[in-house]
N, C-alpha and C. Protein backbone atom coordinates (compact mmCIF):
# COMPACT_ATOMS: atom_id res chain seq x y z
N MET A 1 161.86 -90.07 -56.19
CA MET A 1 162.10 -90.60 -54.86
C MET A 1 161.80 -92.09 -54.87
N THR A 2 162.61 -92.87 -54.18
CA THR A 2 162.44 -94.32 -54.17
C THR A 2 161.50 -94.73 -53.05
N THR A 3 160.63 -95.66 -53.37
CA THR A 3 159.71 -96.15 -52.36
C THR A 3 159.97 -97.61 -52.05
N ASN A 4 160.47 -98.36 -53.03
CA ASN A 4 160.78 -99.76 -52.83
C ASN A 4 161.99 -99.88 -51.91
N ILE A 5 161.88 -100.71 -50.86
CA ILE A 5 162.97 -100.84 -49.88
C ILE A 5 164.25 -101.37 -50.52
N ASN A 6 164.12 -102.28 -51.49
CA ASN A 6 165.31 -102.80 -52.17
C ASN A 6 166.00 -101.72 -52.99
N GLU A 7 165.23 -100.87 -53.64
CA GLU A 7 165.80 -99.76 -54.39
C GLU A 7 166.49 -98.79 -53.45
N ARG A 8 165.87 -98.53 -52.33
CA ARG A 8 166.44 -97.59 -51.36
C ARG A 8 167.80 -98.11 -50.83
N VAL A 9 167.85 -99.39 -50.52
CA VAL A 9 169.10 -99.99 -50.04
C VAL A 9 170.16 -99.95 -51.13
N ALA A 10 169.77 -100.21 -52.37
CA ALA A 10 170.72 -100.15 -53.48
C ALA A 10 171.27 -98.73 -53.63
N VAL A 11 170.41 -97.73 -53.53
CA VAL A 11 170.85 -96.33 -53.65
C VAL A 11 171.76 -95.97 -52.47
N GLU A 12 171.42 -96.43 -51.27
CA GLU A 12 172.29 -96.19 -50.11
C GLU A 12 173.67 -96.79 -50.33
N ASN A 13 173.72 -97.97 -50.93
CA ASN A 13 175.01 -98.59 -51.22
C ASN A 13 175.81 -97.75 -52.22
N ILE A 14 175.16 -97.31 -53.28
CA ILE A 14 175.83 -96.44 -54.25
C ILE A 14 176.38 -95.20 -53.53
N GLN A 15 175.56 -94.60 -52.69
CA GLN A 15 175.98 -93.40 -51.97
C GLN A 15 177.14 -93.71 -51.01
N ARG A 16 177.08 -94.84 -50.36
CA ARG A 16 178.16 -95.25 -49.45
C ARG A 16 179.46 -95.41 -50.22
N TYR A 17 179.39 -96.05 -51.38
CA TYR A 17 180.59 -96.25 -52.20
C TYR A 17 181.15 -94.91 -52.66
N LEU A 18 180.26 -94.05 -53.14
CA LEU A 18 180.69 -92.73 -53.60
C LEU A 18 181.30 -91.91 -52.46
N ARG A 19 180.69 -92.01 -51.30
CA ARG A 19 181.18 -91.24 -50.14
C ARG A 19 182.59 -91.70 -49.77
N GLN A 20 182.83 -93.00 -49.73
CA GLN A 20 184.16 -93.53 -49.43
C GLN A 20 185.18 -93.00 -50.42
N LEU A 21 184.84 -93.06 -51.70
CA LEU A 21 185.77 -92.59 -52.73
C LEU A 21 186.01 -91.09 -52.63
N SER A 22 184.97 -90.33 -52.27
CA SER A 22 185.11 -88.87 -52.18
C SER A 22 186.02 -88.44 -51.03
N LEU A 23 186.20 -89.32 -50.06
CA LEU A 23 187.10 -88.98 -48.95
C LEU A 23 188.54 -88.83 -49.41
N TYR A 24 188.89 -89.51 -50.50
CA TYR A 24 190.28 -89.54 -50.96
C TYR A 24 190.45 -88.95 -52.36
N ASP A 25 189.37 -88.49 -52.96
CA ASP A 25 189.44 -87.87 -54.28
C ASP A 25 188.51 -86.66 -54.30
N GLU A 26 189.12 -85.47 -54.29
CA GLU A 26 188.34 -84.24 -54.22
C GLU A 26 187.50 -83.98 -55.46
N SER A 27 187.78 -84.67 -56.55
CA SER A 27 187.00 -84.45 -57.76
C SER A 27 185.62 -85.11 -57.68
N LEU A 28 185.43 -85.96 -56.70
CA LEU A 28 184.12 -86.59 -56.50
C LEU A 28 183.37 -85.85 -55.41
N PRO A 29 182.16 -85.39 -55.73
CA PRO A 29 181.37 -84.69 -54.71
C PRO A 29 180.93 -85.64 -53.60
N ARG A 30 180.92 -85.15 -52.38
CA ARG A 30 180.46 -85.95 -51.23
C ARG A 30 178.94 -85.94 -51.21
N VAL A 31 178.36 -87.12 -51.08
CA VAL A 31 176.90 -87.22 -51.08
C VAL A 31 176.40 -87.69 -49.72
N ALA A 32 175.16 -87.32 -49.43
CA ALA A 32 174.50 -87.81 -48.22
C ALA A 32 174.04 -89.24 -48.50
N ILE A 33 174.05 -90.06 -47.46
CA ILE A 33 173.55 -91.43 -47.59
C ILE A 33 172.11 -91.42 -47.08
N ASP A 34 171.21 -91.18 -48.02
CA ASP A 34 169.80 -91.05 -47.64
C ASP A 34 168.87 -91.98 -48.42
N GLY A 35 169.45 -92.73 -49.37
CA GLY A 35 168.63 -93.66 -50.14
C GLY A 35 167.82 -93.01 -51.24
N ILE A 36 168.06 -91.73 -51.49
CA ILE A 36 167.32 -91.00 -52.53
C ILE A 36 168.26 -90.70 -53.69
N TYR A 37 167.90 -91.16 -54.87
CA TYR A 37 168.71 -90.94 -56.06
C TYR A 37 168.32 -89.60 -56.68
N GLY A 38 168.75 -88.54 -56.01
CA GLY A 38 168.42 -87.19 -56.46
C GLY A 38 169.55 -86.58 -57.26
N ASP A 39 169.49 -85.27 -57.41
CA ASP A 39 170.48 -84.55 -58.22
C ASP A 39 171.90 -84.70 -57.68
N GLU A 40 172.03 -84.68 -56.35
CA GLU A 40 173.35 -84.80 -55.71
C GLU A 40 173.99 -86.16 -56.06
N THR A 41 173.23 -87.22 -55.93
CA THR A 41 173.75 -88.56 -56.23
C THR A 41 174.02 -88.69 -57.72
N ARG A 42 173.12 -88.20 -58.54
CA ARG A 42 173.28 -88.26 -60.00
C ARG A 42 174.58 -87.54 -60.40
N ALA A 43 174.85 -86.38 -59.81
CA ALA A 43 176.06 -85.62 -60.14
C ALA A 43 177.32 -86.38 -59.70
N ALA A 44 177.25 -87.03 -58.55
CA ALA A 44 178.40 -87.80 -58.06
C ALA A 44 178.64 -89.03 -58.94
N VAL A 45 177.58 -89.69 -59.37
CA VAL A 45 177.72 -90.83 -60.28
C VAL A 45 178.32 -90.36 -61.60
N TYR A 46 177.85 -89.23 -62.09
CA TYR A 46 178.37 -88.65 -63.33
C TYR A 46 179.88 -88.39 -63.19
N ALA A 47 180.27 -87.78 -62.09
CA ALA A 47 181.69 -87.48 -61.86
C ALA A 47 182.50 -88.77 -61.76
N PHE A 48 181.96 -89.78 -61.10
CA PHE A 48 182.66 -91.07 -61.01
C PHE A 48 182.82 -91.68 -62.39
N GLN A 49 181.76 -91.65 -63.19
CA GLN A 49 181.82 -92.23 -64.54
C GLN A 49 182.90 -91.54 -65.37
N GLN A 50 183.00 -90.23 -65.26
CA GLN A 50 184.05 -89.51 -65.99
C GLN A 50 185.43 -89.94 -65.53
N LEU A 51 185.59 -90.02 -64.22
CA LEU A 51 186.87 -90.42 -63.64
C LEU A 51 187.26 -91.84 -64.05
N ALA A 52 186.28 -92.72 -64.14
CA ALA A 52 186.54 -94.13 -64.47
C ALA A 52 186.60 -94.39 -65.97
N GLY A 53 186.40 -93.35 -66.78
CA GLY A 53 186.45 -93.53 -68.23
C GLY A 53 185.22 -94.23 -68.79
N LEU A 54 184.11 -94.13 -68.08
CA LEU A 54 182.85 -94.72 -68.53
C LEU A 54 182.02 -93.65 -69.24
N GLU A 55 181.00 -94.09 -69.95
CA GLU A 55 180.07 -93.13 -70.55
C GLU A 55 179.37 -92.39 -69.41
N ALA A 56 179.52 -91.07 -69.38
CA ALA A 56 178.99 -90.27 -68.28
C ALA A 56 177.54 -89.93 -68.53
N THR A 57 176.66 -90.61 -67.79
CA THR A 57 175.21 -90.39 -67.91
C THR A 57 174.58 -89.97 -66.59
N GLY A 58 175.27 -90.26 -65.49
CA GLY A 58 174.68 -89.99 -64.17
C GLY A 58 173.75 -91.09 -63.72
N ILE A 59 173.63 -92.13 -64.54
CA ILE A 59 172.78 -93.27 -64.20
C ILE A 59 173.67 -94.45 -63.82
N ALA A 60 173.37 -95.09 -62.71
CA ALA A 60 174.18 -96.21 -62.23
C ALA A 60 173.70 -97.51 -62.89
N ASP A 61 174.16 -97.71 -64.13
CA ASP A 61 173.84 -98.96 -64.81
C ASP A 61 174.75 -100.08 -64.29
N TYR A 62 174.63 -101.26 -64.86
CA TYR A 62 175.39 -102.42 -64.37
C TYR A 62 176.90 -102.17 -64.42
N THR A 63 177.39 -101.62 -65.54
CA THR A 63 178.82 -101.36 -65.69
C THR A 63 179.30 -100.36 -64.65
N THR A 64 178.54 -99.30 -64.46
CA THR A 64 178.90 -98.29 -63.45
C THR A 64 178.88 -98.90 -62.06
N TRP A 65 177.83 -99.64 -61.77
CA TRP A 65 177.71 -100.28 -60.45
C TRP A 65 178.93 -101.17 -60.18
N THR A 66 179.31 -101.99 -61.15
CA THR A 66 180.43 -102.90 -61.00
C THR A 66 181.73 -102.13 -60.78
N GLU A 67 181.98 -101.13 -61.61
CA GLU A 67 183.20 -100.31 -61.47
C GLU A 67 183.22 -99.57 -60.14
N LEU A 68 182.07 -99.05 -59.75
CA LEU A 68 181.96 -98.31 -58.49
C LEU A 68 182.25 -99.21 -57.30
N TYR A 69 181.67 -100.40 -57.32
CA TYR A 69 181.90 -101.35 -56.23
C TYR A 69 183.38 -101.76 -56.16
N GLU A 70 183.98 -102.05 -57.30
CA GLU A 70 185.40 -102.44 -57.31
C GLU A 70 186.29 -101.29 -56.82
N ALA A 71 185.98 -100.07 -57.23
CA ALA A 71 186.76 -98.91 -56.77
C ALA A 71 186.58 -98.72 -55.26
N TYR A 72 185.36 -98.91 -54.79
CA TYR A 72 185.08 -98.81 -53.36
C TYR A 72 185.90 -99.84 -52.58
N MET A 73 185.90 -101.09 -53.03
CA MET A 73 186.63 -102.15 -52.33
C MET A 73 188.14 -101.87 -52.33
N ARG A 74 188.66 -101.40 -53.45
CA ARG A 74 190.08 -101.04 -53.50
C ARG A 74 190.38 -99.92 -52.51
N SER A 75 189.50 -98.95 -52.44
CA SER A 75 189.69 -97.82 -51.53
C SER A 75 189.65 -98.27 -50.07
N VAL A 76 188.70 -99.12 -49.75
CA VAL A 76 188.60 -99.61 -48.37
C VAL A 76 189.88 -100.36 -47.99
N LEU A 77 190.34 -101.24 -48.87
CA LEU A 77 191.55 -102.01 -48.58
C LEU A 77 192.78 -101.11 -48.49
N LEU A 78 192.86 -100.14 -49.37
CA LEU A 78 194.02 -99.25 -49.40
C LEU A 78 194.08 -98.34 -48.17
N HIS A 79 192.93 -97.87 -47.72
CA HIS A 79 192.90 -96.87 -46.66
C HIS A 79 192.54 -97.42 -45.28
N SER A 80 192.32 -98.69 -45.16
CA SER A 80 191.99 -99.25 -43.85
C SER A 80 193.27 -99.48 -43.05
N SER A 81 193.12 -99.61 -41.76
CA SER A 81 194.27 -99.89 -40.90
C SER A 81 194.80 -101.29 -41.21
N PRO A 82 196.08 -101.49 -40.99
CA PRO A 82 196.62 -102.83 -41.22
C PRO A 82 195.96 -103.84 -40.28
N ARG A 83 195.80 -105.03 -40.74
CA ARG A 83 195.26 -106.10 -39.89
C ARG A 83 196.28 -106.46 -38.83
N CYS A 84 195.79 -106.75 -37.67
CA CYS A 84 196.67 -107.13 -36.57
C CYS A 84 196.69 -108.65 -36.43
N PHE A 85 197.78 -109.14 -35.93
CA PHE A 85 197.84 -110.56 -35.61
C PHE A 85 198.34 -110.67 -34.18
N CYS A 86 198.05 -111.76 -33.55
CA CYS A 86 198.46 -111.94 -32.17
C CYS A 86 199.42 -113.12 -32.07
N PRO A 87 200.71 -112.84 -31.88
CA PRO A 87 201.67 -113.94 -31.76
C PRO A 87 201.68 -114.57 -30.37
N PHE A 88 200.93 -113.97 -29.44
CA PHE A 88 200.92 -114.53 -28.09
C PHE A 88 200.06 -115.79 -28.10
N PRO A 89 200.59 -116.92 -27.61
CA PRO A 89 199.85 -118.19 -27.68
C PRO A 89 198.56 -118.17 -26.86
N ARG A 90 197.54 -118.79 -27.41
CA ARG A 90 196.26 -118.92 -26.69
C ARG A 90 196.33 -120.07 -25.70
N PHE A 91 197.15 -121.06 -26.00
CA PHE A 91 197.26 -122.24 -25.14
C PHE A 91 198.73 -122.51 -24.86
N PRO A 92 199.08 -123.00 -23.70
CA PRO A 92 198.21 -123.25 -22.57
C PRO A 92 197.67 -121.95 -21.99
N VAL A 93 196.59 -122.05 -21.26
CA VAL A 93 195.88 -120.87 -20.77
C VAL A 93 196.78 -119.97 -19.94
N ASN A 94 197.63 -120.50 -19.08
CA ASN A 94 198.47 -119.64 -18.23
C ASN A 94 199.89 -119.50 -18.80
N TYR A 95 200.03 -119.47 -20.09
CA TYR A 95 201.33 -119.31 -20.72
C TYR A 95 201.92 -117.96 -20.33
N SER A 96 203.23 -117.94 -20.10
CA SER A 96 203.92 -116.67 -19.87
C SER A 96 205.33 -116.77 -20.42
N VAL A 97 205.91 -115.62 -20.67
CA VAL A 97 207.28 -115.51 -21.17
C VAL A 97 208.05 -114.78 -20.09
N GLY A 98 209.24 -115.28 -19.76
CA GLY A 98 210.03 -114.65 -18.72
C GLY A 98 211.51 -114.77 -18.97
N ARG A 99 212.28 -114.36 -17.97
CA ARG A 99 213.73 -114.33 -18.08
C ARG A 99 214.27 -115.67 -18.55
N GLY A 100 215.20 -115.59 -19.49
CA GLY A 100 215.84 -116.79 -20.03
C GLY A 100 215.21 -117.28 -21.33
N ASN A 101 213.96 -116.88 -21.59
CA ASN A 101 213.33 -117.30 -22.84
C ASN A 101 213.98 -116.58 -24.02
N ARG A 102 214.16 -117.30 -25.11
CA ARG A 102 214.68 -116.70 -26.34
C ARG A 102 213.75 -117.14 -27.47
N GLN A 103 213.06 -116.15 -28.04
CA GLN A 103 212.13 -116.44 -29.12
C GLN A 103 211.70 -115.14 -29.78
N PHE A 104 211.04 -115.29 -30.92
CA PHE A 104 210.59 -114.13 -31.68
C PHE A 104 209.60 -113.29 -30.88
N LEU A 105 208.76 -113.93 -30.09
CA LEU A 105 207.79 -113.20 -29.25
C LEU A 105 208.51 -112.23 -28.32
N VAL A 106 209.66 -112.62 -27.81
CA VAL A 106 210.42 -111.73 -26.93
C VAL A 106 210.90 -110.50 -27.70
N GLU A 107 211.30 -110.70 -28.97
CA GLU A 107 211.70 -109.54 -29.79
C GLU A 107 210.54 -108.57 -29.95
N ILE A 108 209.34 -109.09 -30.12
CA ILE A 108 208.16 -108.24 -30.26
C ILE A 108 207.91 -107.49 -28.95
N ILE A 109 208.02 -108.18 -27.84
CA ILE A 109 207.85 -107.54 -26.52
C ILE A 109 208.89 -106.43 -26.35
N GLN A 110 210.13 -106.71 -26.72
CA GLN A 110 211.19 -105.71 -26.60
C GLN A 110 210.92 -104.52 -27.52
N TYR A 111 210.43 -104.79 -28.71
CA TYR A 111 210.08 -103.71 -29.63
C TYR A 111 209.00 -102.82 -29.01
N ILE A 112 207.95 -103.45 -28.50
CA ILE A 112 206.86 -102.68 -27.88
C ILE A 112 207.39 -101.86 -26.71
N LEU A 113 208.19 -102.47 -25.86
CA LEU A 113 208.76 -101.73 -24.72
C LEU A 113 209.55 -100.52 -25.20
N ASN A 114 210.37 -100.71 -26.23
CA ASN A 114 211.17 -99.59 -26.74
C ASN A 114 210.29 -98.48 -27.31
N GLU A 115 209.20 -98.84 -27.95
CA GLU A 115 208.27 -97.83 -28.45
C GLU A 115 207.60 -97.09 -27.28
N LEU A 116 207.29 -97.83 -26.22
CA LEU A 116 206.64 -97.22 -25.06
C LEU A 116 207.55 -96.26 -24.32
N THR A 117 208.88 -96.41 -24.47
CA THR A 117 209.79 -95.48 -23.80
C THR A 117 209.60 -94.05 -24.29
N LEU A 118 208.98 -93.90 -25.46
CA LEU A 118 208.71 -92.56 -25.98
C LEU A 118 207.62 -91.85 -25.18
N SER A 119 206.77 -92.64 -24.50
CA SER A 119 205.66 -92.07 -23.74
C SER A 119 205.76 -92.31 -22.24
N TYR A 120 206.57 -93.25 -21.84
CA TYR A 120 206.69 -93.62 -20.42
C TYR A 120 208.14 -93.41 -19.97
N ASP A 121 208.32 -92.52 -19.00
CA ASP A 121 209.68 -92.24 -18.51
C ASP A 121 210.27 -93.37 -17.69
N ASP A 122 209.42 -94.20 -17.08
CA ASP A 122 209.93 -95.22 -16.17
C ASP A 122 210.27 -96.55 -16.85
N ILE A 123 210.05 -96.66 -18.14
CA ILE A 123 210.39 -97.90 -18.85
C ILE A 123 211.75 -97.71 -19.51
N PRO A 124 212.74 -98.53 -19.14
CA PRO A 124 214.07 -98.39 -19.72
C PRO A 124 214.13 -98.99 -21.14
N ARG A 125 214.98 -98.41 -21.99
CA ARG A 125 215.22 -98.99 -23.33
C ARG A 125 215.97 -100.30 -23.15
N ASN A 126 215.81 -101.19 -24.11
CA ASN A 126 216.53 -102.46 -24.06
C ASN A 126 216.92 -102.89 -25.46
N ASP A 127 217.86 -103.83 -25.53
CA ASP A 127 218.26 -104.38 -26.82
C ASP A 127 217.16 -105.30 -27.33
N GLN A 128 216.90 -105.22 -28.59
CA GLN A 128 215.89 -106.09 -29.20
C GLN A 128 216.60 -107.35 -29.69
N SER A 129 216.96 -108.20 -28.73
CA SER A 129 217.79 -109.37 -29.02
C SER A 129 217.00 -110.67 -29.14
N GLY A 130 215.78 -110.68 -28.63
CA GLY A 130 215.02 -111.92 -28.60
C GLY A 130 215.29 -112.74 -27.35
N LEU A 131 216.22 -112.27 -26.52
CA LEU A 131 216.51 -112.94 -25.25
C LEU A 131 215.85 -112.13 -24.13
N TYR A 132 215.01 -112.80 -23.38
CA TYR A 132 214.32 -112.15 -22.25
C TYR A 132 215.33 -112.04 -21.12
N ASP A 133 216.03 -110.90 -21.08
CA ASP A 133 217.11 -110.69 -20.11
C ASP A 133 216.65 -109.80 -18.97
N GLU A 134 217.59 -109.39 -18.16
CA GLU A 134 217.28 -108.56 -16.99
C GLU A 134 216.67 -107.22 -17.40
N ASP A 135 217.19 -106.61 -18.48
CA ASP A 135 216.65 -105.32 -18.93
C ASP A 135 215.19 -105.46 -19.38
N THR A 136 214.90 -106.54 -20.08
CA THR A 136 213.51 -106.78 -20.52
C THR A 136 212.62 -106.98 -19.30
N GLU A 137 213.11 -107.77 -18.36
CA GLU A 137 212.33 -108.01 -17.14
C GLU A 137 212.08 -106.71 -16.39
N ASN A 138 213.09 -105.84 -16.29
CA ASN A 138 212.93 -104.56 -15.60
C ASN A 138 211.92 -103.66 -16.34
N GLY A 139 211.96 -103.69 -17.66
CA GLY A 139 211.00 -102.93 -18.44
C GLY A 139 209.58 -103.42 -18.21
N ILE A 140 209.41 -104.73 -18.16
CA ILE A 140 208.08 -105.31 -17.92
C ILE A 140 207.62 -104.99 -16.50
N LEU A 141 208.53 -105.09 -15.54
CA LEU A 141 208.16 -104.76 -14.15
C LEU A 141 207.69 -103.30 -14.04
N ALA A 142 208.42 -102.40 -14.69
CA ALA A 142 208.02 -100.98 -14.67
C ALA A 142 206.66 -100.80 -15.33
N PHE A 143 206.46 -101.47 -16.45
CA PHE A 143 205.17 -101.38 -17.15
C PHE A 143 204.06 -101.94 -16.28
N GLN A 144 204.28 -103.08 -15.66
CA GLN A 144 203.26 -103.70 -14.81
C GLN A 144 202.90 -102.80 -13.64
N ARG A 145 203.89 -102.18 -13.02
CA ARG A 145 203.60 -101.28 -11.89
C ARG A 145 202.78 -100.08 -12.36
N THR A 146 203.16 -99.50 -13.49
CA THR A 146 202.45 -98.35 -14.03
C THR A 146 201.00 -98.68 -14.35
N HIS A 147 200.75 -99.91 -14.76
CA HIS A 147 199.40 -100.31 -15.19
C HIS A 147 198.68 -101.16 -14.15
N THR A 148 199.16 -101.09 -12.92
CA THR A 148 198.58 -101.82 -11.79
C THR A 148 198.28 -103.29 -12.11
N LEU A 149 199.27 -103.91 -12.74
CA LEU A 149 199.21 -105.34 -13.02
C LEU A 149 200.07 -106.06 -11.98
N PRO A 150 199.84 -107.34 -11.76
CA PRO A 150 200.73 -108.07 -10.85
C PRO A 150 202.18 -107.94 -11.34
N ALA A 151 203.05 -107.45 -10.48
CA ALA A 151 204.45 -107.21 -10.86
C ALA A 151 205.25 -108.50 -10.76
N THR A 152 205.18 -109.30 -11.82
CA THR A 152 205.87 -110.59 -11.87
C THR A 152 207.14 -110.53 -12.70
N GLY A 153 207.23 -109.53 -13.58
CA GLY A 153 208.36 -109.45 -14.49
C GLY A 153 208.20 -110.38 -15.69
N LYS A 154 207.10 -111.12 -15.72
CA LYS A 154 206.82 -112.03 -16.84
C LYS A 154 205.67 -111.46 -17.66
N VAL A 155 205.61 -111.87 -18.91
CA VAL A 155 204.51 -111.45 -19.78
C VAL A 155 203.55 -112.62 -19.91
N ASP A 156 202.41 -112.45 -19.25
CA ASP A 156 201.31 -113.40 -19.41
C ASP A 156 200.27 -112.73 -20.30
N LYS A 157 199.13 -113.36 -20.49
CA LYS A 157 198.11 -112.80 -21.39
C LYS A 157 197.64 -111.43 -20.92
N MET A 158 197.46 -111.25 -19.63
CA MET A 158 196.98 -109.96 -19.12
C MET A 158 198.00 -108.85 -19.40
N THR A 159 199.27 -109.14 -19.15
CA THR A 159 200.31 -108.15 -19.42
C THR A 159 200.45 -107.91 -20.92
N TRP A 160 200.38 -109.00 -21.70
CA TRP A 160 200.45 -108.86 -23.16
C TRP A 160 199.35 -107.93 -23.66
N ASN A 161 198.12 -108.16 -23.23
CA ASN A 161 197.00 -107.34 -23.69
C ASN A 161 197.20 -105.87 -23.30
N ALA A 162 197.71 -105.62 -22.10
CA ALA A 162 197.96 -104.25 -21.67
C ALA A 162 199.08 -103.61 -22.50
N LEU A 163 200.13 -104.38 -22.80
CA LEU A 163 201.22 -103.88 -23.65
C LEU A 163 200.70 -103.48 -25.02
N VAL A 164 199.93 -104.37 -25.62
CA VAL A 164 199.39 -104.10 -26.95
C VAL A 164 198.46 -102.90 -26.93
N GLU A 165 197.62 -102.81 -25.92
CA GLU A 165 196.71 -101.67 -25.81
C GLU A 165 197.49 -100.36 -25.67
N ALA A 166 198.51 -100.36 -24.82
CA ALA A 166 199.33 -99.15 -24.64
C ALA A 166 200.04 -98.79 -25.94
N TYR A 167 200.55 -99.79 -26.62
CA TYR A 167 201.22 -99.55 -27.91
C TYR A 167 200.25 -98.96 -28.92
N ASN A 168 199.05 -99.55 -29.01
CA ASN A 168 198.05 -99.05 -29.95
C ASN A 168 197.64 -97.62 -29.64
N VAL A 169 197.55 -97.28 -28.37
CA VAL A 169 197.18 -95.92 -27.98
C VAL A 169 198.24 -94.93 -28.45
N ILE A 170 199.51 -95.23 -28.20
CA ILE A 170 200.54 -94.27 -28.63
C ILE A 170 200.69 -94.27 -30.15
N SER A 171 200.45 -95.40 -30.81
CA SER A 171 200.52 -95.44 -32.27
C SER A 171 199.42 -94.59 -32.88
N GLU A 172 198.21 -94.67 -32.36
CA GLU A 172 197.10 -93.86 -32.85
C GLU A 172 197.36 -92.38 -32.56
N HIS A 173 197.93 -92.10 -31.40
CA HIS A 173 198.22 -90.71 -31.02
C HIS A 173 199.26 -90.11 -31.99
N ASP A 174 200.23 -90.93 -32.42
CA ASP A 174 201.26 -90.45 -33.33
C ASP A 174 200.70 -90.07 -34.70
N LYS A 175 199.56 -90.66 -35.09
CA LYS A 175 198.96 -90.36 -36.38
C LYS A 175 198.31 -88.98 -36.40
N GLU A 176 197.93 -88.49 -35.24
CA GLU A 176 197.20 -87.22 -35.17
C GLU A 176 198.07 -86.01 -35.39
């Protein structure tokens, strides 16, 4: 049993790395993250070493630690959600997009609206043309009314945030 706090944290890290890898590889036993390098952790390290083509000892030496950390980082990057970006301008503060605007941001708004039509009956489908036309404005008005936003027909930061939130909710729901 470990008594040194630094050793305990190191063991917790090993266990955390092993646990992440075990989520996606059934050949690795799932371990508790308790900071104790017991039989369970030793067996998981042994299994990882075999899988990684290392000398299987069950001891997390420098080579094992390095390989384990690199495998953990690859796993986190591979299995994490995609990073989001926000194309909606931060400045000027009261920026909005409305009828007559033609830009890539409008295409994104139209894409989101079209995706929302799968969950919202009152939002009409529209062409993803990049031109903020009457159909886009009607879709935004319907969305704003449904979400108790000021019904302006324009996309300002408040409407943008609500659109993105609604899109993320249905996207997460589709994964289930």
